[in-house]
Each structure stands twice: as structure tokens, then as C-alpha cells.
Amino acid sequence: MSYKVFCDDRELQVGESEWLSFCSRYQLVEAAGGLVRSGGGECLMIFRNGRWDLPKGKREEGESVEQTALREVMEECGVGALTLQGLLTVTYHTYTLNGVDVLKRTYWYAMRYAGSLRALQPQAEEGIEVAEFLPPEKVAACLEASYGSIREVFAAEKAKR
């Protein structure tokens, strides 16, 4: 078994025997988010830091990863009426924040949105410029301007259909 880790725009494969040593070089952060679909098949995506992304965020103490996923999608996009539909995948990516090397483990959930496709409220204090439900034909182009870990989430969704 190996772990796929996204470091900047590179993909690393870390073997199980090397995993603990690899992790020891980083501060581990747990997060959760969602790949949200509307009843019509539109996908909720956000735009921040010059790339298309999916809503996600850090787990708070005492919170389950499922609770984190729902809370973060609601906070980052201003939506409610969400239903969890199951875990899609777990991704890993690294970054440096204030001189600290971080390994983020993100639990990704499939979610269904039952509300209307009204204008959303992107969480500006998180650097989110756009939160929008996109038709399937626009999602592929957005994924070209996204992160490898986000493409992994879409691949996991496709594999589970």
C-alpha cells in the first residue's frame, strides 16, 4: 500500500513502510469538505487563491469529520439544506504556513443540496472570491485550473457511480 500526497503541483507516492517517517516531518492538520451536487447535477465549486477548489476546512476540537464537512461547506458558501451521502475519499497535501510544514489530511464527502440555485455568499475572510453551482460541462475546465487533490475527489466520485 502507498499514500498519494500532493506537494505543490507534484504528486508523491509514499510507501506504507515510509509513511510514519514522512509524517513526522510535518504538523498534521485534519480537515473535511464536500463535493456538493444539486438535484440537477450542478457542482458547487469555489474560487480562491487563483484556483478552483471545493469547500473544506479544519476540524474543530470535539467535532466529527462529518460535522466538519457540513459546517465548512455552509460557512464557505452560505448554503444549507445539505445531506451527506457518504465518504468519497481521503486526500493528503502539504504546504508551509508561517514557517511550519503542514500535512493536511482531508476527508471528502459526497453531498446533496436540496435548495434553490440562488446566488451564494462566498466567505470573503477565507479568501473565497466565488462560490457557484456549475453545470457539468464547465466543471472539466475548472478542474484544469485546480489542484491535483481536487481532481482526485472527482475521480473518486466517478469511480463510485
Foldseek 3Di string as FASTA:
>chain_A
DWAWEAEPQDIDTGDPVCVVVVPVQADEFEKEAEFEAEPVGFTKWWDFPQAIHGFMDTDDPPDDNVRRHQVRNCQQWVADQKDWDDWQDWYWYWDADPNGIYIYIYTYTYMYHHDDQDAIDGDVVVRTPGIHGHHPVVVVVRVVRHGPVRVVSVVSVVVVD
